[in-house]
C-alpha atoms as a PDB file:
ATOM      1  CA  MET A   1     218.060 -58.888  65.678  1.00  0.00           C
ATOM      2  CA  SER A   2     219.693 -61.933  64.591  1.00  0.00           C
ATOM      3  CA  SER A   3     218.440 -64.781  63.166  1.00  0.00           C
ATOM      4  CA  ASN A   4     218.450 -66.977  66.314  1.00  0.00           C
ATOM      5  CA  GLU A   5     216.358 -64.246  68.154  1.00  0.00           C
ATOM      6  CA  LYS A   6     213.876 -64.409  65.271  1.00  0.00           C
ATOM      7  CA  VAL A   7     213.825 -67.951  65.716  1.00  0.00           C
ATOM      8  CA  LEU A   8     213.229 -67.855  69.127  1.00  0.00           C
ATOM      9  CA  ASN A   9     210.487 -65.267  68.796  1.00  0.00           C
ATOM     10  CA  THR A  10     209.075 -67.339  66.031  1.00  0.00           C
ATOM     11  CA  PHE A  11     208.857 -70.425  68.376  1.00  0.00           C
ATOM     12  CA  ALA A  12     207.785 -68.494  71.168  1.00  0.00           C
ATOM     13  CA  THR A  13     205.010 -67.173  69.462  1.00  0.00           C
ATOM     14  CA  ARG A  14     203.861 -70.762  68.248  1.00  0.00           C
ATOM     15  CA  VAL A  15     203.956 -72.176  71.709  1.00  0.00           C
ATOM     16  CA  ARG A  16     201.576 -69.243  72.787  1.00  0.00           C
ATOM     17  CA  GLN A  17     199.113 -70.298  70.096  1.00  0.00           C
ATOM     18  CA  MET A  18     199.277 -73.809  70.909  1.00  0.00           C
ATOM     19  CA  ILE A  19     198.463 -73.129  74.410  1.00  0.00           C
ATOM     20  CA  LEU A  20     195.696 -70.713  73.405  1.00  0.00           C
ATOM     21  CA  GLN A  21     194.606 -73.496  71.151  1.00  0.00           C
ATOM     22  CA  TYR A  22     194.805 -76.046  74.061  1.00  0.00           C
ATOM     23  CA  GLU A  23     192.926 -74.143  76.329  1.00  0.00           C
ATOM     24  CA  ALA A  24     190.031 -73.592  73.820  1.00  0.00           C
ATOM     25  CA  LEU A  25     190.042 -77.261  73.121  1.00  0.00           C
ATOM     26  CA  LYS A  26     190.056 -77.792  76.660  1.00  0.00           C
ATOM     27  CA  ASN A  27     186.939 -75.816  77.529  1.00  0.00           C
ATOM     28  CA  GLU A  28     185.226 -76.959  74.344  1.00  0.00           C
ATOM     29  CA  ASN A  29     185.934 -80.686  75.465  1.00  0.00           C
ATOM     30  CA  ASP A  30     184.255 -79.716  79.157  1.00  0.00           C
ATOM     31  CA  ASP A  31     181.338 -78.415  77.502  1.00  0.00           C
ATOM     32  CA  LEU A  32     181.028 -81.617  75.334  1.00  0.00           C
ATOM     33  CA  TYR A  33     181.385 -83.515  78.716  1.00  0.00           C
ATOM     34  CA  ALA A  34     178.659 -81.244  80.342  1.00  0.00           C
ATOM     35  CA  LEU A  35     176.302 -81.795  77.313  1.00  0.00           C
ATOM     36  CA  VAL A  36     176.921 -85.522  77.398  1.00  0.00           C
ATOM     37  CA  ASP A  37     176.156 -85.779  81.192  1.00  0.00           C
ATOM     38  CA  GLN A  38     172.797 -83.138  80.722  1.00  0.00           C
ATOM     39  CA  ARG A  39     171.707 -85.487  77.931  1.00  0.00           C
ATOM     40  CA  GLU A  40     172.525 -88.782  80.016  1.00  0.00           C
ATOM     41  CA  GLN A  41     170.192 -87.269  82.761  1.00  0.00           C
ATOM     42  CA  GLU A  42     167.330 -86.699  80.311  1.00  0.00           C
ATOM     43  CA  ILE A  43     167.560 -90.143  78.966  1.00  0.00           C
ATOM     44  CA  LYS A  44     167.332 -91.312  82.546  1.00  0.00           C
ATOM     45  CA  GLN A  45     164.414 -89.426  83.606  1.00  0.00           C
ATOM     46  CA  LEU A  46     162.746 -90.088  80.062  1.00  0.00           C
ATOM     47  CA  GLN A  47     163.351 -93.780  80.865  1.00  0.00           C
ATOM     48  CA  GLU A  48     161.775 -93.542  84.141  1.00  0.00           C
ATOM     49  CA  GLU A  49     158.509 -91.658  82.987  1.00  0.00           C
ATOM     50  CA  LEU A  50     158.620 -94.460  79.974  1.00  0.00           C
ATOM     51  CA  SER A  51     158.405 -96.778  83.021  1.00  0.00           C
ATOM     52  CA  GLN A  52     155.837 -95.289  85.075  1.00  0.00           C
ATOM     53  CA  ALA A  53     153.776 -94.519  81.626  1.00  0.00           C
ATOM     54  CA  GLU A  54     153.926 -98.270  80.730  1.00  0.00           C
ATOM     55  CA  ALA A  55     153.026 -99.172  84.612  1.00  0.00           C
ATOM     56  CA  ASP A  56     150.055 -96.999  84.331  1.00  0.00           C
ATOM     57  CA  TYR A  57     149.022 -98.484  81.232  1.00  0.00           C
ATOM     58  CA  ASN A  58     149.390-102.009  82.537  1.00  0.00           C
ATOM     59  CA  SER A  59     147.017-101.059  85.270  1.00  0.00           C
ATOM     60  CA  LEU A  60     144.498 -99.292  83.371  1.00  0.00           C
ATOM     61  CA  LYS A  61     144.410-102.321  80.763  1.00  0.00           C
ATOM     62  CA  MET A  62     143.756-104.534  83.877  1.00  0.00           C
ATOM     63  CA  ALA A  63     141.245-102.177  85.244  1.00  0.00           C
ATOM     64  CA  LYS A  64     139.499-102.059  81.982  1.00  0.00           C
ATOM     65  CA  MET A  65     139.331-105.768  81.950  1.00  0.00           C
ATOM     66  CA  LEU A  66     137.832-106.110  85.374  1.00  0.00           C
ATOM     67  CA  GLU A  67     135.381-103.284  84.872  1.00  0.00           C
ATOM     68  CA  VAL A  68     131.965-104.685  84.507  1.00  0.00           C
ATOM     69  CA  THR A  69     129.629-101.954  82.815  1.00  0.00           C
ATOM     70  CA  ASP A  70     125.950-102.109  82.721  1.00  0.00           C
ATOM     71  CA  GLY A  71     125.704-102.763  79.082  1.00  0.00           C
ATOM     72  CA  ASP A  72     128.067-105.633  79.511  1.00  0.00           C
ATOM     73  CA  MET A  73     126.017-107.149  82.266  1.00  0.00           C
ATOM     74  CA  GLU A  74     122.853-106.533  80.239  1.00  0.00           C
ATOM     75  CA  ALA A  75     124.521-108.392  77.260  1.00  0.00           C
ATOM     76  CA  ALA A  76     125.383-111.318  79.287  1.00  0.00           C
ATOM     77  CA  GLN A  77     122.158-111.725  80.746  1.00  0.00           C
ATOM     78  CA  LYS A  78     120.585-111.832  77.139  1.00  0.00           C
ATOM     79  CA  ARG A  79     122.726-114.267  75.805  1.00  0.00           C
ATOM     80  CA  VAL A  80     122.297-116.448  79.009  1.00  0.00           C
ATOM     81  CA  SER A  81     118.347-116.425  78.455  1.00  0.00           C
ATOM     82  CA  LYS A  82     118.986-117.007  74.865  1.00  0.00           C
ATOM     83  CA  LEU A  83     120.937-120.105  75.865  1.00  0.00           C
ATOM     84  CA  ILE A  84     118.300-121.267  78.242  1.00  0.00           C
ATOM     85  CA  ARG A  85     115.561-120.861  75.569  1.00  0.00           C
ATOM     86  CA  ASP A  86     117.538-122.765  73.325  1.00  0.00           C
ATOM     87  CA  VAL A  87     118.570-125.467  75.849  1.00  0.00           C
ATOM     88  CA  ASN A  88     114.510-125.681  76.768  1.00  0.00           C
ATOM     89  CA  LYS A  89     113.683-126.057  72.882  1.00  0.00           C
ATOM     90  CA  CYS A  90     116.043-128.985  72.698  1.00  0.00           C
ATOM     91  CA  ILE A  91     114.607-130.580  76.015  1.00  0.00           C
ATOM     92  CA  THR A  92     111.104-130.107  74.367  1.00  0.00           C
ATOM     93  CA  LEU A  93     112.057-131.702  71.222  1.00  0.00           C
ATOM     94  CA  LEU A  94     113.889-134.604  72.837  1.00  0.00           C
ATOM     95  CA  SER A  95     110.786-134.987  74.980  1.00  0.00           C
ATOM     96  CA  GLU A  96     108.503-135.486  72.192  1.00  0.00           C
ATOM     97  CA  LYS A  97     110.121-138.226  70.741  1.00  0.00           C
END
């Protein structure tokens, strides 16, 4: 085998190795792009879930503010009764003078 044939064989071998490396890198790149797409879908889904959870939270918070329980009503009646007694005492004190 002449030196030219050895060089050509070596060159051909290197080219095949480069082609194999290129194919491997191309497959890895495709896998990584697929992974990025999957992560973007997950992020989008999680953002939608977060938005829904925030909307639900705000709705529940509003409902809680509007909710009037018996305990709240009873406490409010007691406060109003106490205020009325205080006003009546003041009126009585002013009437005596």
